[in-house]
All heavy atoms as atom14 arrays in JSON, in Angstrom:
{
  "sequence": "SKERAVELARKEAVFEPEHVQIRFVRRGIPSRGVWAVSLYQGPA",
  "atom14_mask": [
    [1, 1, 1, 1, 1, 1, 0, 0, 0, 0, 0, 0, 0, 0],
    [1, 1, 1, 1, 1, 1, 1, 1, 1, 0, 0, 0, 0, 0],
    [1, 1, 1, 1, 1, 1, 1, 1, 1, 0, 0, 0, 0, 0],
    [1, 1, 1, 1, 1, 1, 1, 1, 1, 1, 1, 0, 0, 0],
    [1, 1, 1, 1, 1, 0, 0, 0, 0, 0, 0, 0, 0, 0],
    [1, 1, 1, 1, 1, 1, 1, 0, 0, 0, 0, 0, 0, 0],
    [1, 1, 1, 1, 1, 1, 1, 1, 1, 0, 0, 0, 0, 0],
    [1, 1, 1, 1, 1, 1, 1, 1, 0, 0, 0, 0, 0, 0],
    [1, 1, 1, 1, 1, 0, 0, 0, 0, 0, 0, 0, 0, 0],
    [1, 1, 1, 1, 1, 1, 1, 1, 1, 1, 1, 0, 0, 0],
    [1, 1, 1, 1, 1, 1, 1, 1, 1, 0, 0, 0, 0, 0],
    [1, 1, 1, 1, 1, 1, 1, 1, 1, 0, 0, 0, 0, 0],
    [1, 1, 1, 1, 1, 0, 0, 0, 0, 0, 0, 0, 0, 0],
    [1, 1, 1, 1, 1, 1, 1, 0, 0, 0, 0, 0, 0, 0],
    [1, 1, 1, 1, 1, 1, 1, 1, 1, 1, 1, 0, 0, 0],
    [1, 1, 1, 1, 1, 1, 1, 1, 1, 0, 0, 0, 0, 0],
    [1, 1, 1, 1, 1, 1, 1, 0, 0, 0, 0, 0, 0, 0],
    [1, 1, 1, 1, 1, 1, 1, 1, 1, 0, 0, 0, 0, 0],
    [1, 1, 1, 1, 1, 1, 1, 1, 1, 1, 0, 0, 0, 0],
    [1, 1, 1, 1, 1, 1, 1, 0, 0, 0, 0, 0, 0, 0],
    [1, 1, 1, 1, 1, 1, 1, 1, 1, 0, 0, 0, 0, 0],
    [1, 1, 1, 1, 1, 1, 1, 1, 0, 0, 0, 0, 0, 0],
    [1, 1, 1, 1, 1, 1, 1, 1, 1, 1, 1, 0, 0, 0],
    [1, 1, 1, 1, 1, 1, 1, 1, 1, 1, 1, 0, 0, 0],
    [1, 1, 1, 1, 1, 1, 1, 0, 0, 0, 0, 0, 0, 0],
    [1, 1, 1, 1, 1, 1, 1, 1, 1, 1, 1, 0, 0, 0],
    [1, 1, 1, 1, 1, 1, 1, 1, 1, 1, 1, 0, 0, 0],
    [1, 1, 1, 1, 0, 0, 0, 0, 0, 0, 0, 0, 0, 0],
    [1, 1, 1, 1, 1, 1, 1, 1, 0, 0, 0, 0, 0, 0],
    [1, 1, 1, 1, 1, 1, 1, 0, 0, 0, 0, 0, 0, 0],
    [1, 1, 1, 1, 1, 1, 0, 0, 0, 0, 0, 0, 0, 0],
    [1, 1, 1, 1, 1, 1, 1, 1, 1, 1, 1, 0, 0, 0],
    [1, 1, 1, 1, 0, 0, 0, 0, 0, 0, 0, 0, 0, 0],
    [1, 1, 1, 1, 1, 1, 1, 0, 0, 0, 0, 0, 0, 0],
    [1, 1, 1, 1, 1, 1, 1, 1, 1, 1, 1, 1, 1, 1],
    [1, 1, 1, 1, 1, 0, 0, 0, 0, 0, 0, 0, 0, 0],
    [1, 1, 1, 1, 1, 1, 1, 0, 0, 0, 0, 0, 0, 0],
    [1, 1, 1, 1, 1, 1, 0, 0, 0, 0, 0, 0, 0, 0],
    [1, 1, 1, 1, 1, 1, 1, 1, 0, 0, 0, 0, 0, 0],
    [1, 1, 1, 1, 1, 1, 1, 1, 1, 1, 1, 1, 0, 0],
    [1, 1, 1, 1, 1, 1, 1, 1, 1, 0, 0, 0, 0, 0],
    [1, 1, 1, 1, 0, 0, 0, 0, 0, 0, 0, 0, 0, 0],
    [1, 1, 1, 1, 1, 1, 1, 0, 0, 0, 0, 0, 0, 0],
    [1, 1, 1, 1, 1, 0, 0, 0, 0, 0, 0, 0, 0, 0]
  ],
  "atom14_positions": [
    [[-7.27, -7.61, 16.3], [-7.31, -6.26, 16.83], [-6.33, -5.42, 16.01], [-5.5, -5.89, 15.35], [-6.97, -6.38, 18.23], [-5.58, -6.69, 18.42], [0.0, 0.0, 0.0], [0.0, 0.0, 0.0], [0.0, 0.0, 0.0], [0.0, 0.0, 0.0], [0.0, 0.0, 0.0], [0.0, 0.0, 0.0], [0.0, 0.0, 0.0], [0.0, 0.0, 0.0]],
    [[-6.47, -4.03, 16.08], [-5.54, -3.07, 15.63], [-4.13, -3.35, 16.11], [-3.17, -3.35, 15.38], [-6.06, -1.6, 15.99], [-6.97, -1.05, 15.17], [-7.25, 0.34, 15.68], [-8.34, 1.04, 14.97], [-8.35, 2.42, 15.25], [0.0, 0.0, 0.0], [0.0, 0.0, 0.0], [0.0, 0.0, 0.0], [0.0, 0.0, 0.0], [0.0, 0.0, 0.0]],
    [[-4.02, -3.53, 17.37], [-2.77, -3.86, 18.08], [-2.03, -5.01, 17.55], [-0.92, -5.0, 17.15], [-2.8, -3.9, 19.57], [-3.39, -2.6, 20.27], [-4.93, -2.3, 20.11], [-5.68, -3.33, 19.69], [-5.31, -1.23, 20.26], [0.0, 0.0, 0.0], [0.0, 0.0, 0.0], [0.0, 0.0, 0.0], [0.0, 0.0, 0.0], [0.0, 0.0, 0.0]],
    [[-2.75, -6.08, 17.29], [-2.21, -7.28, 16.8], [-1.82, -7.23, 15.26], [-0.69, -7.61, 14.93], [-3.15, -8.49, 16.88], [-2.64, -9.75, 16.3], [-1.6, -10.42, 17.21], [-1.19, -11.66, 16.63], [0.2, -12.04, 16.56], [1.08, -11.27, 17.11], [0.4, -13.2, 15.95], [0.0, 0.0, 0.0], [0.0, 0.0, 0.0], [0.0, 0.0, 0.0]],
    [[-2.54, -6.36, 14.59], [-2.23, -6.11, 13.23], [-0.95, -5.33, 13.06], [0.01, -5.6, 12.27], [-3.37, -5.45, 12.51], [0.0, 0.0, 0.0], [0.0, 0.0, 0.0], [0.0, 0.0, 0.0], [0.0, 0.0, 0.0], [0.0, 0.0, 0.0], [0.0, 0.0, 0.0], [0.0, 0.0, 0.0], [0.0, 0.0, 0.0], [0.0, 0.0, 0.0]],
    [[-0.74, -4.34, 13.97], [0.55, -3.48, 13.97], [1.75, -4.53, 14.35], [2.67, -4.4, 13.73], [0.41, -2.4, 15.1], [1.67, -1.72, 15.32], [-0.74, -1.4, 14.48], [0.0, 0.0, 0.0], [0.0, 0.0, 0.0], [0.0, 0.0, 0.0], [0.0, 0.0, 0.0], [0.0, 0.0, 0.0], [0.0, 0.0, 0.0], [0.0, 0.0, 0.0]],
    [[1.51, -5.31, 15.3], [2.67, -6.3, 15.74], [3.01, -7.11, 14.55], [4.27, -7.33, 14.23], [2.11, -7.26, 16.84], [2.02, -6.73, 18.26], [1.54, -7.81, 19.16], [1.69, -8.95, 18.97], [0.76, -7.45, 20.16], [0.0, 0.0, 0.0], [0.0, 0.0, 0.0], [0.0, 0.0, 0.0], [0.0, 0.0, 0.0], [0.0, 0.0, 0.0]],
    [[2.04, -7.65, 13.83], [2.31, -8.55, 12.68], [3.1, -7.61, 11.5], [3.97, -8.27, 10.8], [1.09, -9.1, 12.06], [0.4, -10.13, 13.07], [-1.09, -10.37, 12.53], [1.19, -11.37, 13.14], [0.0, 0.0, 0.0], [0.0, 0.0, 0.0], [0.0, 0.0, 0.0], [0.0, 0.0, 0.0], [0.0, 0.0, 0.0], [0.0, 0.0, 0.0]],
    [[2.61, -6.44, 11.43], [3.14, -5.56, 10.32], [4.62, -5.2, 10.72], [5.38, -5.22, 9.76], [2.28, -4.38, 10.09], [0.0, 0.0, 0.0], [0.0, 0.0, 0.0], [0.0, 0.0, 0.0], [0.0, 0.0, 0.0], [0.0, 0.0, 0.0], [0.0, 0.0, 0.0], [0.0, 0.0, 0.0], [0.0, 0.0, 0.0], [0.0, 0.0, 0.0]],
    [[4.87, -4.91, 11.94], [6.27, -4.56, 12.46], [7.12, -5.66, 12.1], [8.45, -5.51, 11.8], [6.26, -4.24, 13.84], [5.68, -2.72, 14.18], [5.93, -2.46, 15.6], [5.38, -1.16, 15.92], [6.08, 0.02, 15.75], [7.43, 0.0, 15.41], [5.67, 1.18, 16.1], [0.0, 0.0, 0.0], [0.0, 0.0, 0.0], [0.0, 0.0, 0.0]],
    [[6.73, -6.98, 12.23], [7.7, -8.07, 11.95], [7.99, -8.21, 10.46], [8.96, -8.76, 10.1], [6.9, -9.36, 12.36], [6.77, -9.55, 13.76], [6.07, -10.94, 14.1], [5.81, -11.02, 15.62], [4.93, -12.4, 15.84], [0.0, 0.0, 0.0], [0.0, 0.0, 0.0], [0.0, 0.0, 0.0], [0.0, 0.0, 0.0], [0.0, 0.0, 0.0]],
    [[7.23, -7.65, 9.66], [7.51, -7.52, 8.25], [8.21, -6.29, 7.79], [8.7, -6.37, 6.59], [6.22, -7.55, 7.39], [5.36, -8.87, 7.64], [5.97, -10.14, 7.14], [6.62, -10.15, 6.11], [5.8, -11.13, 7.85], [0.0, 0.0, 0.0], [0.0, 0.0, 0.0], [0.0, 0.0, 0.0], [0.0, 0.0, 0.0], [0.0, 0.0, 0.0]],
    [[8.43, -5.38, 8.62], [9.19, -4.22, 8.26], [10.58, -4.28, 7.83], [11.29, -5.2, 8.51], [8.97, -3.19, 9.5], [0.0, 0.0, 0.0], [0.0, 0.0, 0.0], [0.0, 0.0, 0.0], [0.0, 0.0, 0.0], [0.0, 0.0, 0.0], [0.0, 0.0, 0.0], [0.0, 0.0, 0.0], [0.0, 0.0, 0.0], [0.0, 0.0, 0.0]],
    [[10.96, -3.68, 6.86], [12.44, -3.77, 6.41], [13.25, -2.64, 7.08], [14.56, -2.52, 6.75], [12.54, -3.67, 4.82], [11.87, -5.02, 4.33], [11.93, -2.45, 4.28], [0.0, 0.0, 0.0], [0.0, 0.0, 0.0], [0.0, 0.0, 0.0], [0.0, 0.0, 0.0], [0.0, 0.0, 0.0], [0.0, 0.0, 0.0], [0.0, 0.0, 0.0]],
    [[12.77, -1.85, 7.91], [13.38, -0.7, 8.59], [12.61, -0.53, 9.89], [11.51, -1.05, 10.11], [13.32, 0.66, 7.76], [11.88, 1.12, 7.39], [11.35, 2.09, 8.29], [11.36, 0.67, 6.34], [10.05, 2.47, 7.94], [10.09, 1.09, 5.89], [9.44, 1.93, 6.94], [0.0, 0.0, 0.0], [0.0, 0.0, 0.0], [0.0, 0.0, 0.0]],
    [[13.18, 0.21, 10.71], [12.59, 0.53, 12.1], [11.67, 1.84, 11.96], [12.08, 2.99, 11.78], [13.72, 0.77, 13.18], [13.11, 1.19, 14.49], [12.34, -0.06, 15.09], [12.66, -1.32, 14.86], [11.21, 0.06, 15.69], [0.0, 0.0, 0.0], [0.0, 0.0, 0.0], [0.0, 0.0, 0.0], [0.0, 0.0, 0.0], [0.0, 0.0, 0.0]],
    [[10.29, 1.55, 11.98], [9.49, 2.65, 11.61], [9.32, 3.67, 12.88], [9.38, 3.18, 14.07], [8.08, 1.95, 11.46], [8.19, 0.65, 12.07], [9.66, 0.3, 12.07], [0.0, 0.0, 0.0], [0.0, 0.0, 0.0], [0.0, 0.0, 0.0], [0.0, 0.0, 0.0], [0.0, 0.0, 0.0], [0.0, 0.0, 0.0], [0.0, 0.0, 0.0]],
    [[9.15, 4.91, 12.65], [9.06, 5.85, 13.71], [7.53, 6.06, 13.98], [7.11, 6.45, 15.09], [9.57, 7.27, 13.23], [10.94, 7.21, 12.97], [11.61, 8.46, 12.33], [10.75, 9.37, 12.05], [12.87, 8.66, 12.31], [0.0, 0.0, 0.0], [0.0, 0.0, 0.0], [0.0, 0.0, 0.0], [0.0, 0.0, 0.0], [0.0, 0.0, 0.0]],
    [[6.64, 5.96, 12.93], [5.2, 6.11, 13.05], [4.41, 5.08, 12.36], [4.9, 4.3, 11.48], [4.86, 7.36, 12.33], [5.65, 8.61, 12.76], [5.53, 9.25, 14.02], [6.76, 9.21, 12.17], [6.44, 10.25, 14.04], [7.07, 10.24, 13.08], [0.0, 0.0, 0.0], [0.0, 0.0, 0.0], [0.0, 0.0, 0.0], [0.0, 0.0, 0.0]],
    [[3.28, 4.86, 12.78], [2.32, 3.79, 12.25], [0.92, 4.49, 12.12], [0.47, 5.28, 12.97], [2.14, 2.66, 13.21], [1.2, 1.61, 12.65], [3.58, 2.11, 13.53], [0.0, 0.0, 0.0], [0.0, 0.0, 0.0], [0.0, 0.0, 0.0], [0.0, 0.0, 0.0], [0.0, 0.0, 0.0], [0.0, 0.0, 0.0], [0.0, 0.0, 0.0]],
    [[0.39, 4.16, 10.97], [-1.09, 4.59, 10.7], [-1.7, 3.36, 10.22], [-1.18, 2.41, 9.67], [-1.17, 5.53, 9.58], [-0.73, 7.02, 9.89], [-0.93, 7.93, 8.75], [-1.38, 7.54, 7.72], [-0.81, 9.27, 9.11], [0.0, 0.0, 0.0], [0.0, 0.0, 0.0], [0.0, 0.0, 0.0], [0.0, 0.0, 0.0], [0.0, 0.0, 0.0]],
    [[-2.99, 3.14, 10.77], [-3.68, 1.82, 10.47], [-5.08, 2.19, 10.18], [-5.78, 3.18, 10.77], [-3.63, 0.85, 11.72], [-4.26, -0.46, 11.21], [-4.19, 1.44, 12.87], [-3.96, -1.61, 12.26], [0.0, 0.0, 0.0], [0.0, 0.0, 0.0], [0.0, 0.0, 0.0], [0.0, 0.0, 0.0], [0.0, 0.0, 0.0], [0.0, 0.0, 0.0]],
    [[-5.7, 1.46, 9.17], [-7.09, 1.63, 8.78], [-7.64, 0.32, 8.35], [-6.94, -0.53, 7.83], [-7.23, 2.74, 7.73], [-6.46, 2.51, 6.44], [-5.89, 3.73, 5.84], [-5.07, 3.55, 4.81], [-3.72, 3.42, 5.08], [-3.15, 3.44, 6.28], [-2.8, 3.22, 4.03], [0.0, 0.0, 0.0], [0.0, 0.0, 0.0], [0.0, 0.0, 0.0]],
    [[-8.95, 0.16, 8.71], [-9.7, -1.1, 8.31], [-10.49, -0.87, 6.95], [-11.1, 0.24, 6.8], [-10.66, -1.45, 9.43], [-11.45, -2.63, 9.09], [-10.96, -3.88, 9.29], [-12.88, -2.47, 8.63], [-11.78, -5.01, 9.08], [-13.61, -3.65, 8.43], [-12.97, -4.88, 8.6], [0.0, 0.0, 0.0], [0.0, 0.0, 0.0], [0.0, 0.0, 0.0]],
    [[-10.15, -1.61, 6.02], [-10.84, -1.49, 4.66], [-11.32, -2.79, 4.22], [-10.92, -3.87, 4.86], [-9.87, -0.98, 3.64], [-9.49, 0.43, 4.0], [-8.63, -1.85, 3.53], [0.0, 0.0, 0.0], [0.0, 0.0, 0.0], [0.0, 0.0, 0.0], [0.0, 0.0, 0.0], [0.0, 0.0, 0.0], [0.0, 0.0, 0.0], [0.0, 0.0, 0.0]],
    [[-12.28, -2.88, 3.34], [-12.83, -4.0, 2.77], [-12.27, -4.16, 1.47], [-12.32, -3.17, 0.62], [-14.25, -4.04, 2.76], [-14.83, -3.97, 4.35], [-16.29, -4.3, 4.3], [-16.5, -5.67, 4.27], [-16.2, -6.64, 5.22], [-15.52, -6.11, 6.33], [-16.57, -7.88, 5.22], [0.0, 0.0, 0.0], [0.0, 0.0, 0.0], [0.0, 0.0, 0.0]],
    [[-11.96, -5.35, 0.91], [-11.47, -5.56, -0.47], [-11.8, -6.76, -1.1], [-11.91, -7.79, -0.26], [-9.91, -5.18, -0.71], [-9.02, -6.15, -0.08], [-7.6, -5.63, -0.17], [-6.71, -6.63, -0.63], [-5.48, -6.56, -0.79], [-4.84, -5.49, -0.38], [-4.67, -7.42, -1.17], [0.0, 0.0, 0.0], [0.0, 0.0, 0.0], [0.0, 0.0, 0.0]],
    [[-11.92, -6.99, -2.36], [-12.13, -8.24, -2.98], [-13.54, -8.44, -3.17], [-14.59, -7.74, -2.66], [0.0, 0.0, 0.0], [0.0, 0.0, 0.0], [0.0, 0.0, 0.0], [0.0, 0.0, 0.0], [0.0, 0.0, 0.0], [0.0, 0.0, 0.0], [0.0, 0.0, 0.0], [0.0, 0.0, 0.0], [0.0, 0.0, 0.0], [0.0, 0.0, 0.0]],
    [[-13.94, -9.53, -3.9], [-15.25, -10.01, -4.11], [-15.39, -11.52, -3.78], [-14.68, -12.18, -4.55], [-15.79, -9.69, -5.53], [-15.86, -8.24, -5.82], [-17.25, -10.29, -5.77], [-16.08, -7.73, -7.26], [0.0, 0.0, 0.0], [0.0, 0.0, 0.0], [0.0, 0.0, 0.0], [0.0, 0.0, 0.0], [0.0, 0.0, 0.0], [0.0, 0.0, 0.0]],
    [[-16.03, -11.98, -2.84], [-16.7, -11.28, -1.89], [-15.79, -10.49, -0.99], [-14.65, -10.8, -0.8], [-17.41, -12.35, -1.04], [-16.66, -13.49, -1.18], [-15.96, -13.46, -2.58], [0.0, 0.0, 0.0], [0.0, 0.0, 0.0], [0.0, 0.0, 0.0], [0.0, 0.0, 0.0], [0.0, 0.0, 0.0], [0.0, 0.0, 0.0], [0.0, 0.0, 0.0]],
    [[-16.33, -9.28, -0.52], [-15.33, -8.44, 0.27], [-14.87, -9.09, 1.59], [-15.61, -9.85, 2.15], [-16.11, -7.04, 0.51], [-17.15, -7.3, 1.53], [0.0, 0.0, 0.0], [0.0, 0.0, 0.0], [0.0, 0.0, 0.0], [0.0, 0.0, 0.0], [0.0, 0.0, 0.0], [0.0, 0.0, 0.0], [0.0, 0.0, 0.0], [0.0, 0.0, 0.0]],
    [[-13.7, -8.75, 1.89], [-13.14, -9.33, 3.22], [-12.36, -7.99, 3.81], [-11.63, -7.37, 3.19], [-12.07, -10.35, 2.68], [-11.49, -11.07, 3.96], [-11.0, -12.49, 3.36], [-10.44, -13.13, 4.46], [-10.84, -14.03, 5.15], [-12.19, -14.35, 4.93], [-10.31, -14.73, 6.23], [0.0, 0.0, 0.0], [0.0, 0.0, 0.0], [0.0, 0.0, 0.0]],
    [[-12.53, -8.1, 5.12], [-11.89, -7.02, 5.81], [-10.48, -7.16, 6.05], [-9.91, -8.27, 6.34], [0.0, 0.0, 0.0], [0.0, 0.0, 0.0], [0.0, 0.0, 0.0], [0.0, 0.0, 0.0], [0.0, 0.0, 0.0], [0.0, 0.0, 0.0], [0.0, 0.0, 0.0], [0.0, 0.0, 0.0], [0.0, 0.0, 0.0], [0.0, 0.0, 0.0]],
    [[-9.62, -6.11, 5.85], [-8.23, -6.25, 6.05], [-7.72, -4.92, 6.76], [-8.51, -3.94, 6.79], [-7.38, -6.37, 4.7], [-7.65, -7.57, 3.94], [-7.7, -5.03, 3.86], [0.0, 0.0, 0.0], [0.0, 0.0, 0.0], [0.0, 0.0, 0.0], [0.0, 0.0, 0.0], [0.0, 0.0, 0.0], [0.0, 0.0, 0.0], [0.0, 0.0, 0.0]],
    [[-6.65, -5.03, 7.46], [-6.04, -4.0, 8.06], [-4.79, -3.54, 7.15], [-3.98, -4.27, 6.77], [-5.4, -4.27, 9.42], [-6.29, -4.67, 10.5], [-6.68, -5.82, 11.12], [-7.09, -3.62, 11.31], [-7.64, -5.65, 11.96], [-7.91, -4.32, 12.15], [-7.35, -2.36, 11.02], [-8.86, -3.73, 12.97], [-8.2, -1.61, 11.87], [-9.08, -2.42, 12.81]],
    [[-4.88, -2.26, 6.73], [-3.8, -1.61, 6.05], [-2.93, -0.85, 6.97], [-3.39, 0.11, 7.51], [-4.37, -0.73, 4.79], [0.0, 0.0, 0.0], [0.0, 0.0, 0.0], [0.0, 0.0, 0.0], [0.0, 0.0, 0.0], [0.0, 0.0, 0.0], [0.0, 0.0, 0.0], [0.0, 0.0, 0.0], [0.0, 0.0, 0.0], [0.0, 0.0, 0.0]],
    [[-1.74, -1.35, 7.32], [-0.88, -0.76, 8.19], [0.28, -0.03, 7.52], [1.09, -0.71, 6.84], [-0.31, -1.8, 9.23], [0.61, -1.2, 10.28], [-1.42, -2.76, 9.81], [0.0, 0.0, 0.0], [0.0, 0.0, 0.0], [0.0, 0.0, 0.0], [0.0, 0.0, 0.0], [0.0, 0.0, 0.0], [0.0, 0.0, 0.0], [0.0, 0.0, 0.0]],
    [[0.4, 1.3, 7.73], [1.33, 1.99, 7.05], [2.46, 2.26, 8.03], [2.2, 2.82, 9.2], [0.86, 3.4, 6.63], [-0.17, 3.19, 5.71], [0.0, 0.0, 0.0], [0.0, 0.0, 0.0], [0.0, 0.0, 0.0], [0.0, 0.0, 0.0], [0.0, 0.0, 0.0], [0.0, 0.0, 0.0], [0.0, 0.0, 0.0], [0.0, 0.0, 0.0]],
    [[3.67, 1.85, 7.8], [4.87, 2.12, 8.57], [5.79, 3.23, 7.94], [6.01, 2.97, 6.7], [5.7, 0.78, 8.84], [4.8, -0.4, 9.21], [5.57, -1.66, 9.01], [4.31, -0.23, 10.69], [0.0, 0.0, 0.0], [0.0, 0.0, 0.0], [0.0, 0.0, 0.0], [0.0, 0.0, 0.0], [0.0, 0.0, 0.0], [0.0, 0.0, 0.0]],
    [[6.19, 4.11, 8.72], [6.95, 5.16, 7.89], [7.92, 5.85, 8.88], [7.8, 5.89, 10.08], [6.08, 6.22, 7.19], [5.16, 6.88, 8.13], [5.51, 8.27, 8.5], [3.94, 6.46, 8.49], [4.55, 9.02, 9.25], [3.14, 7.2, 9.28], [3.41, 8.37, 9.62], [2.48, 9.04, 10.46], [0.0, 0.0, 0.0], [0.0, 0.0, 0.0]],
    [[8.82, 6.6, 8.27], [9.83, 7.5, 8.97], [9.67, 8.8, 8.51], [9.57, 8.99, 7.28], [11.36, 6.86, 8.75], [11.72, 5.6, 9.4], [13.07, 5.13, 9.07], [13.59, 5.56, 8.06], [13.6, 4.34, 9.76], [0.0, 0.0, 0.0], [0.0, 0.0, 0.0], [0.0, 0.0, 0.0], [0.0, 0.0, 0.0], [0.0, 0.0, 0.0]],
    [[9.8, 9.68, 9.33], [9.67, 11.1, 8.85], [8.26, 11.68, 9.01], [7.31, 10.91, 9.56], [0.0, 0.0, 0.0], [0.0, 0.0, 0.0], [0.0, 0.0, 0.0], [0.0, 0.0, 0.0], [0.0, 0.0, 0.0], [0.0, 0.0, 0.0], [0.0, 0.0, 0.0], [0.0, 0.0, 0.0], [0.0, 0.0, 0.0], [0.0, 0.0, 0.0]],
    [[7.95, 12.87, 8.58], [6.74, 13.45, 8.63], [5.63, 12.78, 7.71], [6.0, 12.09, 6.8], [6.84, 14.82, 8.23], [7.97, 14.86, 7.29], [8.9, 13.76, 7.79], [0.0, 0.0, 0.0], [0.0, 0.0, 0.0], [0.0, 0.0, 0.0], [0.0, 0.0, 0.0], [0.0, 0.0, 0.0], [0.0, 0.0, 0.0], [0.0, 0.0, 0.0]],
    [[4.4, 12.66, 8.22], [3.41, 11.99, 7.58], [3.12, 12.49, 6.1], [2.79, 11.71, 5.21], [2.0, 12.08, 8.35], [0.0, 0.0, 0.0], [0.0, 0.0, 0.0], [0.0, 0.0, 0.0], [0.0, 0.0, 0.0], [0.0, 0.0, 0.0], [0.0, 0.0, 0.0], [0.0, 0.0, 0.0], [0.0, 0.0, 0.0], [0.0, 0.0, 0.0]]
  ]
}
């Protein structure tokens, strides 16, 4: 789930993020679904 992906991403963070953006994308051949979780501080 999105929520689980954010949890996993927060464990990898090297700083305390203020905001999170997440998107589902496909990559590779054969394509595989991944969550790209953006963690950031400050304005988007």
